[in-house]
Amino acid sequence: MANGTTLKPKSTTKLERPKLYKVILFNDDYTPREFVTLVLKVVFRIGEDAGYRVMMTAHKLGSCVVVVCAKDIAETKVSEAMDLAKEAGFPLMFKAEPEE
């Protein structure tokens, strides 16, 4: 450059996106549908209609992905949901696993 300054080459650091995790709801024959829908509404902030559809999908297929998010959020949501179920005496099961 004319004024004596030199440009530094830009360093391009590629940041990898964090792995996403899916939270899976598993069907059981004991937890009432209304309770499952309530947990989806309270813990996952899913509306009444969407929560009902997620619950029915798990009921019909055996399991259903509820949400896909960062690992720490997924694990926290699973803990919160299962703690609510345990307190209410239901065997409701959620699991967080890496998205493929």
N, C-alpha and C. Protein backbone atom coordinates (compact mmCIF):
# COMPACT_ATOMS: atom_id res chain seq x y z
N MET A 1 0.84 -1.17 0.00
CA MET A 1 0.00 0.00 0.00
C MET A 1 0.89 1.24 0.00
N ALA A 2 0.32 2.30 -0.43
CA ALA A 2 1.08 3.53 -0.60
C ALA A 2 1.49 4.16 0.73
N ASN A 3 0.70 4.02 1.78
CA ASN A 3 1.03 4.66 3.04
C ASN A 3 1.89 3.78 3.96
N GLY A 4 2.37 2.69 3.48
CA GLY A 4 3.29 1.86 4.25
C GLY A 4 2.62 0.79 5.11
N THR A 5 1.33 0.68 5.08
CA THR A 5 0.67 -0.36 5.87
C THR A 5 0.51 -1.61 5.02
N THR A 6 0.54 -2.72 5.67
CA THR A 6 0.35 -3.98 4.95
C THR A 6 -0.92 -4.66 5.47
N LEU A 7 -1.55 -5.35 4.60
CA LEU A 7 -2.75 -6.07 4.97
C LEU A 7 -2.38 -7.47 5.46
N LYS A 8 -2.99 -7.85 6.55
CA LYS A 8 -2.79 -9.20 7.05
C LYS A 8 -3.72 -10.14 6.30
N PRO A 9 -3.21 -11.30 5.97
CA PRO A 9 -4.13 -12.26 5.33
C PRO A 9 -5.21 -12.67 6.34
N LYS A 10 -6.41 -12.76 5.84
CA LYS A 10 -7.51 -13.16 6.72
C LYS A 10 -7.35 -14.62 7.10
N SER A 11 -7.46 -14.87 8.39
CA SER A 11 -7.43 -16.27 8.82
C SER A 11 -8.86 -16.76 8.88
N THR A 12 -9.09 -17.84 8.22
CA THR A 12 -10.45 -18.37 8.22
C THR A 12 -10.50 -19.57 9.15
N THR A 13 -11.12 -19.37 10.27
CA THR A 13 -11.31 -20.44 11.22
C THR A 13 -12.71 -20.98 11.02
N LYS A 14 -12.76 -22.24 10.68
CA LYS A 14 -14.07 -22.85 10.50
C LYS A 14 -14.55 -23.39 11.83
N LEU A 15 -15.67 -22.89 12.26
CA LEU A 15 -16.28 -23.40 13.48
C LEU A 15 -17.26 -24.49 13.11
N GLU A 16 -17.11 -25.61 13.77
CA GLU A 16 -18.06 -26.68 13.51
C GLU A 16 -19.33 -26.41 14.29
N ARG A 17 -20.43 -26.65 13.66
CA ARG A 17 -21.70 -26.52 14.35
C ARG A 17 -21.80 -27.62 15.39
N PRO A 18 -22.34 -27.30 16.55
CA PRO A 18 -22.49 -28.36 17.55
C PRO A 18 -23.46 -29.43 17.06
N LYS A 19 -23.20 -30.66 17.46
CA LYS A 19 -24.08 -31.75 17.07
C LYS A 19 -25.45 -31.51 17.68
N LEU A 20 -26.46 -31.79 16.91
CA LEU A 20 -27.82 -31.66 17.41
C LEU A 20 -28.30 -33.01 17.96
N TYR A 21 -29.16 -32.92 18.94
CA TYR A 21 -29.71 -34.11 19.57
C TYR A 21 -31.22 -34.10 19.43
N LYS A 22 -31.77 -35.28 19.21
CA LYS A 22 -33.22 -35.39 19.14
C LYS A 22 -33.75 -35.94 20.45
N VAL A 23 -34.85 -35.38 20.90
CA VAL A 23 -35.52 -35.87 22.10
C VAL A 23 -36.65 -36.77 21.62
N ILE A 24 -36.64 -37.99 22.10
CA ILE A 24 -37.61 -38.98 21.66
C ILE A 24 -38.56 -39.32 22.81
N LEU A 25 -39.85 -39.33 22.49
CA LEU A 25 -40.89 -39.75 23.43
C LEU A 25 -41.25 -41.19 23.09
N PHE A 26 -41.28 -42.04 24.12
CA PHE A 26 -41.64 -43.45 23.93
C PHE A 26 -43.04 -43.71 24.49
N ASN A 27 -43.80 -44.50 23.78
CA ASN A 27 -45.14 -44.86 24.22
C ASN A 27 -45.08 -45.87 25.36
N ASP A 28 -46.02 -45.76 26.28
CA ASP A 28 -46.22 -46.80 27.28
C ASP A 28 -47.73 -46.98 27.45
N ASP A 29 -48.11 -48.06 28.09
CA ASP A 29 -49.53 -48.36 28.23
C ASP A 29 -50.12 -47.87 29.54
N TYR A 30 -49.37 -47.06 30.29
CA TYR A 30 -49.82 -46.67 31.62
C TYR A 30 -50.04 -45.17 31.80
N THR A 31 -49.21 -44.36 31.16
CA THR A 31 -49.31 -42.92 31.33
C THR A 31 -50.51 -42.38 30.56
N PRO A 32 -51.42 -41.66 31.23
CA PRO A 32 -52.59 -41.12 30.53
C PRO A 32 -52.21 -40.14 29.42
N ARG A 33 -52.97 -40.15 28.37
CA ARG A 33 -52.70 -39.28 27.22
C ARG A 33 -52.71 -37.81 27.63
N GLU A 34 -53.62 -37.45 28.53
CA GLU A 34 -53.73 -36.06 28.98
C GLU A 34 -52.45 -35.61 29.68
N PHE A 35 -51.84 -36.54 30.46
CA PHE A 35 -50.62 -36.20 31.17
C PHE A 35 -49.46 -36.01 30.19
N VAL A 36 -49.37 -36.88 29.20
CA VAL A 36 -48.32 -36.78 28.18
C VAL A 36 -48.43 -35.43 27.47
N THR A 37 -49.64 -35.08 27.08
CA THR A 37 -49.88 -33.81 26.39
C THR A 37 -49.50 -32.63 27.29
N LEU A 38 -49.81 -32.73 28.58
CA LEU A 38 -49.46 -31.68 29.54
C LEU A 38 -47.94 -31.52 29.65
N VAL A 39 -47.22 -32.62 29.73
CA VAL A 39 -45.75 -32.58 29.82
C VAL A 39 -45.17 -31.93 28.56
N LEU A 40 -45.69 -32.30 27.41
CA LEU A 40 -45.21 -31.72 26.15
C LEU A 40 -45.46 -30.21 26.13
N LYS A 41 -46.59 -29.81 26.67
CA LYS A 41 -46.95 -28.40 26.70
C LYS A 41 -46.06 -27.62 27.68
N VAL A 42 -45.87 -28.16 28.88
CA VAL A 42 -45.12 -27.46 29.94
C VAL A 42 -43.61 -27.48 29.69
N VAL A 43 -43.07 -28.64 29.42
CA VAL A 43 -41.61 -28.78 29.31
C VAL A 43 -41.10 -28.35 27.94
N PHE A 44 -41.81 -28.73 26.88
CA PHE A 44 -41.32 -28.48 25.53
C PHE A 44 -41.97 -27.27 24.86
N ARG A 45 -42.90 -26.63 25.56
CA ARG A 45 -43.58 -25.43 25.05
C ARG A 45 -44.30 -25.71 23.73
N ILE A 46 -44.91 -26.89 23.67
CA ILE A 46 -45.65 -27.29 22.47
C ILE A 46 -47.13 -27.00 22.73
N GLY A 47 -47.80 -26.44 21.76
CA GLY A 47 -49.22 -26.14 21.88
C GLY A 47 -50.06 -27.39 22.07
N GLU A 48 -51.28 -27.18 22.51
CA GLU A 48 -52.21 -28.28 22.80
C GLU A 48 -52.39 -29.22 21.59
N ASP A 49 -52.67 -28.66 20.43
CA ASP A 49 -52.92 -29.48 19.23
C ASP A 49 -51.67 -30.23 18.78
N ALA A 50 -50.54 -29.52 18.73
CA ALA A 50 -49.28 -30.16 18.31
C ALA A 50 -48.87 -31.22 19.33
N GLY A 51 -49.05 -30.93 20.60
CA GLY A 51 -48.72 -31.91 21.65
C GLY A 51 -49.55 -33.17 21.51
N TYR A 52 -50.83 -32.99 21.20
CA TYR A 52 -51.71 -34.14 21.00
C TYR A 52 -51.23 -34.98 19.81
N ARG A 53 -50.84 -34.31 18.73
CA ARG A 53 -50.35 -35.03 17.53
C ARG A 53 -49.06 -35.79 17.83
N VAL A 54 -48.15 -35.17 18.58
CA VAL A 54 -46.89 -35.84 18.95
C VAL A 54 -47.20 -37.07 19.81
N MET A 55 -48.08 -36.88 20.80
CA MET A 55 -48.44 -37.98 21.69
C MET A 55 -49.09 -39.12 20.90
N MET A 56 -49.99 -38.80 19.98
CA MET A 56 -50.66 -39.84 19.19
C MET A 56 -49.69 -40.55 18.24
N THR A 57 -48.73 -39.82 17.71
CA THR A 57 -47.72 -40.45 16.86
C THR A 57 -46.92 -41.47 17.65
N ALA A 58 -46.50 -41.08 18.86
CA ALA A 58 -45.77 -42.01 19.73
C ALA A 58 -46.66 -43.20 20.09
N HIS A 59 -47.93 -42.93 20.33
CA HIS A 59 -48.88 -44.00 20.70
C HIS A 59 -49.02 -45.01 19.56
N LYS A 60 -49.11 -44.52 18.34
CA LYS A 60 -49.33 -45.40 17.18
C LYS A 60 -48.06 -46.10 16.71
N LEU A 61 -46.93 -45.35 16.75
CA LEU A 61 -45.68 -45.89 16.19
C LEU A 61 -44.70 -46.42 17.24
N GLY A 62 -44.97 -46.15 18.50
CA GLY A 62 -44.08 -46.62 19.56
C GLY A 62 -43.14 -45.56 20.08
N SER A 63 -42.81 -44.59 19.22
CA SER A 63 -41.96 -43.47 19.63
C SER A 63 -42.13 -42.33 18.65
N CYS A 64 -41.66 -41.14 19.07
CA CYS A 64 -41.79 -39.97 18.22
C CYS A 64 -40.74 -38.94 18.63
N VAL A 65 -40.12 -38.29 17.65
CA VAL A 65 -39.18 -37.22 17.94
C VAL A 65 -40.00 -35.99 18.34
N VAL A 66 -39.67 -35.44 19.51
CA VAL A 66 -40.39 -34.28 20.02
C VAL A 66 -39.74 -33.00 19.54
N VAL A 67 -38.41 -32.94 19.66
CA VAL A 67 -37.68 -31.73 19.30
C VAL A 67 -36.23 -32.10 18.98
N VAL A 68 -35.58 -31.28 18.17
CA VAL A 68 -34.16 -31.44 17.86
C VAL A 68 -33.48 -30.15 18.30
N CYS A 69 -32.45 -30.28 19.16
CA CYS A 69 -31.80 -29.10 19.72
C CYS A 69 -30.39 -29.45 20.19
N ALA A 70 -29.71 -28.49 20.79
CA ALA A 70 -28.36 -28.70 21.32
C ALA A 70 -28.39 -29.76 22.43
N LYS A 71 -27.27 -30.44 22.61
CA LYS A 71 -27.19 -31.55 23.56
C LYS A 71 -27.61 -31.16 24.97
N ASP A 72 -27.09 -30.04 25.49
CA ASP A 72 -27.40 -29.67 26.87
C ASP A 72 -28.88 -29.34 27.05
N ILE A 73 -29.48 -28.72 26.05
CA ILE A 73 -30.91 -28.41 26.12
C ILE A 73 -31.72 -29.70 26.07
N ALA A 74 -31.35 -30.60 25.16
CA ALA A 74 -32.06 -31.88 25.02
C ALA A 74 -32.01 -32.67 26.33
N GLU A 75 -30.83 -32.75 26.94
CA GLU A 75 -30.69 -33.51 28.18
C GLU A 75 -31.48 -32.87 29.32
N THR A 76 -31.50 -31.54 29.36
CA THR A 76 -32.27 -30.84 30.39
C THR A 76 -33.76 -31.11 30.22
N LYS A 77 -34.25 -31.04 28.99
CA LYS A 77 -35.67 -31.28 28.73
C LYS A 77 -36.06 -32.71 29.10
N VAL A 78 -35.21 -33.67 28.76
CA VAL A 78 -35.48 -35.06 29.11
C VAL A 78 -35.58 -35.22 30.62
N SER A 79 -34.65 -34.62 31.35
CA SER A 79 -34.67 -34.71 32.81
C SER A 79 -35.92 -34.08 33.39
N GLU A 80 -36.26 -32.88 32.92
CA GLU A 80 -37.46 -32.19 33.42
C GLU A 80 -38.71 -33.02 33.17
N ALA A 81 -38.85 -33.55 31.97
CA ALA A 81 -40.04 -34.32 31.61
C ALA A 81 -40.14 -35.60 32.43
N MET A 82 -39.04 -36.29 32.57
CA MET A 82 -39.07 -37.56 33.31
C MET A 82 -39.24 -37.32 34.81
N ASP A 83 -38.72 -36.21 35.33
CA ASP A 83 -38.93 -35.88 36.74
C ASP A 83 -40.41 -35.62 37.01
N LEU A 84 -41.07 -34.89 36.11
CA LEU A 84 -42.51 -34.64 36.27
C LEU A 84 -43.28 -35.96 36.27
N ALA A 85 -42.94 -36.84 35.36
CA ALA A 85 -43.63 -38.13 35.28
C ALA A 85 -43.39 -38.95 36.54
N LYS A 86 -42.17 -38.96 37.01
CA LYS A 86 -41.82 -39.74 38.21
C LYS A 86 -42.59 -39.21 39.42
N GLU A 87 -42.64 -37.88 39.55
CA GLU A 87 -43.38 -37.27 40.66
C GLU A 87 -44.86 -37.64 40.61
N ALA A 88 -45.41 -37.78 39.41
CA ALA A 88 -46.81 -38.12 39.24
C ALA A 88 -47.04 -39.64 39.29
N GLY A 89 -45.95 -40.41 39.36
CA GLY A 89 -46.07 -41.86 39.45
C GLY A 89 -46.27 -42.56 38.12
N PHE A 90 -45.83 -41.94 37.03
CA PHE A 90 -45.99 -42.54 35.71
C PHE A 90 -44.63 -42.95 35.13
N PRO A 91 -44.60 -44.02 34.33
CA PRO A 91 -43.35 -44.50 33.74
C PRO A 91 -43.00 -43.83 32.41
N LEU A 92 -43.47 -42.63 32.17
CA LEU A 92 -43.23 -41.92 30.91
C LEU A 92 -41.73 -41.86 30.63
N MET A 93 -41.35 -42.16 29.37
CA MET A 93 -39.93 -42.27 29.03
C MET A 93 -39.58 -41.34 27.87
N PHE A 94 -38.52 -40.56 28.07
CA PHE A 94 -37.93 -39.73 27.03
C PHE A 94 -36.46 -40.09 26.95
N LYS A 95 -35.87 -39.84 25.78
CA LYS A 95 -34.43 -40.11 25.59
C LYS A 95 -33.86 -39.08 24.64
N ALA A 96 -32.63 -38.64 24.91
CA ALA A 96 -31.92 -37.74 23.99
C ALA A 96 -30.83 -38.55 23.29
N GLU A 97 -30.77 -38.43 21.98
CA GLU A 97 -29.71 -39.13 21.24
C GLU A 97 -29.27 -38.28 20.06
N PRO A 98 -28.02 -38.46 19.63
CA PRO A 98 -27.50 -37.63 18.53
C PRO A 98 -28.33 -37.78 17.26
N GLU A 99 -28.51 -36.66 16.58
CA GLU A 99 -29.20 -36.71 15.30
C GLU A 99 -28.21 -37.18 14.25
N GLU A 100 -28.68 -37.97 13.30
CA GLU A 100 -27.77 -38.49 12.28
C GLU A 100 -27.77 -37.62 11.06
